[in-house]
């Protein structure tokens, strides 16, 4: 069961990881790390078309699978915003930009004030699919 903390704002400001990730941080797409770069780029594009993405934050080493609420290709990078998710007990969205060539970019967490009315949870088969793609969850 997912749990949220009572004081979202205080936890967002005081949590070690959230405080770091609230500022723009370096992140990258790390699935299929050992595949050739061309294949990794194509798989990244395929996941984006499915409104999915997995990010690894370089400073913290945290890897998070997200579902995209919004994505737009500008020049050679993807600008995006995630659907709401719970991270360390706080409802957040992740927004930023990832380059299609480098598969790296800058992203940040934003606290959201209202949790979504309809919550979506990953099914066991979705979790298994993420595991098969190399995500250690």
Protein backbone atom coordinates (compact mmCIF):
# COMPACT_ATOMS: atom_id res chain seq x y z
CA UNK A 1 0.00 0.00 0.00
CA UNK A 2 1.26 3.45 -0.81
CA UNK A 3 1.60 5.84 2.10
CA UNK A 4 1.78 9.58 2.23
CA UNK A 5 2.95 11.77 5.07
CA UNK A 6 0.52 14.14 6.77
CA UNK A 7 2.56 17.33 6.26
CA UNK A 8 3.50 17.17 2.59
CA UNK A 9 5.15 20.61 2.45
CA UNK A 10 7.36 20.10 5.51
CA UNK A 11 8.48 16.68 4.30
CA UNK A 12 9.16 18.01 0.78
CA UNK A 13 11.42 20.70 2.24
CA UNK A 14 13.16 18.57 4.89
CA UNK A 15 13.62 15.20 3.15
CA UNK A 16 17.24 14.80 2.04
CA UNK A 17 16.47 13.41 -1.43
CA UNK A 18 13.46 15.63 -2.12
CA UNK A 19 15.41 18.75 -1.16
CA UNK A 20 18.11 17.83 -3.71
CA UNK A 21 15.70 16.76 -6.43
CA UNK A 22 13.54 19.88 -6.07
CA UNK A 23 16.35 21.69 -7.89
CA UNK A 24 17.27 20.86 -11.47
CA UNK A 25 19.46 17.76 -11.39
CA UNK A 26 21.29 15.76 -14.01
CA UNK A 27 19.35 12.67 -15.05
CA UNK A 28 19.65 10.09 -17.77
CA UNK A 29 17.89 7.18 -19.42
CA UNK A 30 19.79 4.10 -18.22
CA UNK A 31 17.70 1.15 -19.37
CA UNK A 32 19.49 -1.17 -21.78
CA UNK A 33 22.84 0.29 -20.70
CA UNK A 34 24.87 -2.36 -22.50
CA UNK A 35 23.04 -2.05 -25.81
CA UNK A 36 24.55 0.01 -28.63
CA UNK A 37 23.66 3.70 -28.38
CA UNK A 38 21.48 3.58 -31.52
CA UNK A 39 19.38 0.81 -30.05
CA UNK A 40 19.11 2.66 -26.72
CA UNK A 41 17.90 5.80 -28.52
CA UNK A 42 15.27 3.82 -30.40
CA UNK A 43 14.06 2.09 -27.23
CA UNK A 44 13.86 5.47 -25.49
CA UNK A 45 11.71 6.84 -28.31
CA UNK A 46 9.51 3.72 -28.18
CA UNK A 47 8.93 4.14 -24.46
CA UNK A 48 8.13 7.84 -24.91
CA UNK A 49 5.53 6.91 -27.55
CA UNK A 50 3.96 4.66 -24.90
CA UNK A 51 4.00 7.65 -22.49
CA UNK A 52 6.60 5.94 -20.29
CA UNK A 53 10.14 6.72 -19.24
CA UNK A 54 12.68 5.57 -16.68
CA UNK A 55 15.09 8.12 -15.24
CA UNK A 56 18.24 7.71 -13.17
CA UNK A 57 19.34 10.74 -11.18
CA UNK A 58 23.11 11.02 -11.48
CA UNK A 59 23.80 12.58 -8.06
CA UNK A 60 21.70 10.21 -6.00
CA UNK A 61 21.65 7.07 -8.15
CA UNK A 62 17.87 6.87 -7.75
CA UNK A 63 16.09 5.23 -10.67
CA UNK A 64 12.38 5.96 -11.14
CA UNK A 65 9.92 4.66 -13.73
CA UNK A 66 7.40 7.35 -14.64
CA UNK A 67 4.37 7.73 -16.82
CA UNK A 68 4.20 10.87 -18.89
CA UNK A 69 1.39 13.38 -18.60
CA UNK A 70 2.90 15.66 -21.23
CA UNK A 71 5.76 15.35 -23.68
CA UNK A 72 6.87 17.52 -26.56
CA UNK A 73 9.84 17.23 -28.88
CA UNK A 74 11.62 20.54 -29.38
CA UNK A 75 14.66 20.48 -31.63
CA UNK A 76 16.49 17.37 -30.47
CA UNK A 77 15.21 17.05 -26.93
CA UNK A 78 12.10 15.88 -25.15
CA UNK A 79 10.40 18.27 -22.76
CA UNK A 80 8.13 16.36 -20.41
CA UNK A 81 6.08 16.29 -17.22
CA UNK A 82 5.14 13.11 -15.39
CA UNK A 83 1.87 12.01 -13.93
CA UNK A 84 1.75 12.42 -10.14
CA UNK A 85 3.61 9.85 -8.06
CA UNK A 86 4.46 9.32 -4.42
CA UNK A 87 8.14 9.71 -3.54
CA UNK A 88 9.22 9.38 0.11
CA UNK A 89 5.63 9.99 1.19
CA UNK A 90 5.08 13.15 -0.87
CA UNK A 91 2.97 13.62 -4.01
CA UNK A 92 5.24 14.98 -6.75
CA UNK A 93 5.54 15.41 -10.49
CA UNK A 94 8.80 15.26 -12.38
CA UNK A 95 9.47 17.74 -15.18
CA UNK A 96 12.43 18.44 -17.38
CA UNK A 97 14.13 17.79 -20.69
CA UNK A 98 16.14 14.84 -22.00
CA UNK A 99 18.25 14.95 -25.18
CA UNK A 100 17.47 12.33 -27.82
CA UNK A 101 21.16 12.04 -28.80
CA UNK A 102 22.75 11.90 -25.35
CA UNK A 103 19.78 10.43 -23.42
CA UNK A 104 20.74 12.87 -20.65
CA UNK A 105 19.18 16.05 -19.38
CA UNK A 106 18.04 18.15 -16.45
CA UNK A 107 14.93 17.38 -14.42
CA UNK A 108 13.37 18.40 -11.15
CA UNK A 109 10.66 17.30 -8.71
CA UNK A 110 7.69 19.55 -8.06
CA UNK A 111 5.38 19.04 -5.09
CA UNK A 112 1.73 18.94 -6.07
CA UNK A 113 -0.92 20.31 -3.75
CA UNK A 114 -3.77 17.97 -4.56
CA UNK A 115 -3.37 14.23 -5.07
CA UNK A 116 -5.01 12.92 -8.24
CA UNK A 117 -8.62 11.83 -7.87
CA UNK A 118 -8.18 8.65 -9.86
CA UNK A 119 -5.10 6.75 -8.84
CA UNK A 120 -3.35 4.31 -11.13
CA UNK A 121 -1.15 1.59 -9.74
CA UNK A 122 1.23 -0.64 -11.64
CA UNK A 123 -0.08 -4.15 -12.02
CA UNK A 124 2.10 -7.19 -11.36
CA UNK A 125 2.53 -7.68 -15.11
CA UNK A 126 3.62 -4.04 -15.55
CA UNK A 127 6.15 -4.45 -12.73
CA UNK A 128 7.44 -7.65 -14.35
CA UNK A 129 7.77 -5.86 -17.68
CA UNK A 130 9.85 -3.10 -16.06
CA UNK A 131 12.04 -5.75 -14.43
CA UNK A 132 12.54 -7.46 -17.79
CA UNK A 133 13.68 -4.11 -19.21
CA UNK A 134 16.43 -4.00 -16.63
CA UNK A 135 14.88 -1.89 -13.87
CA UNK A 136 15.90 -3.28 -10.46
CA UNK A 137 12.50 -3.14 -8.71
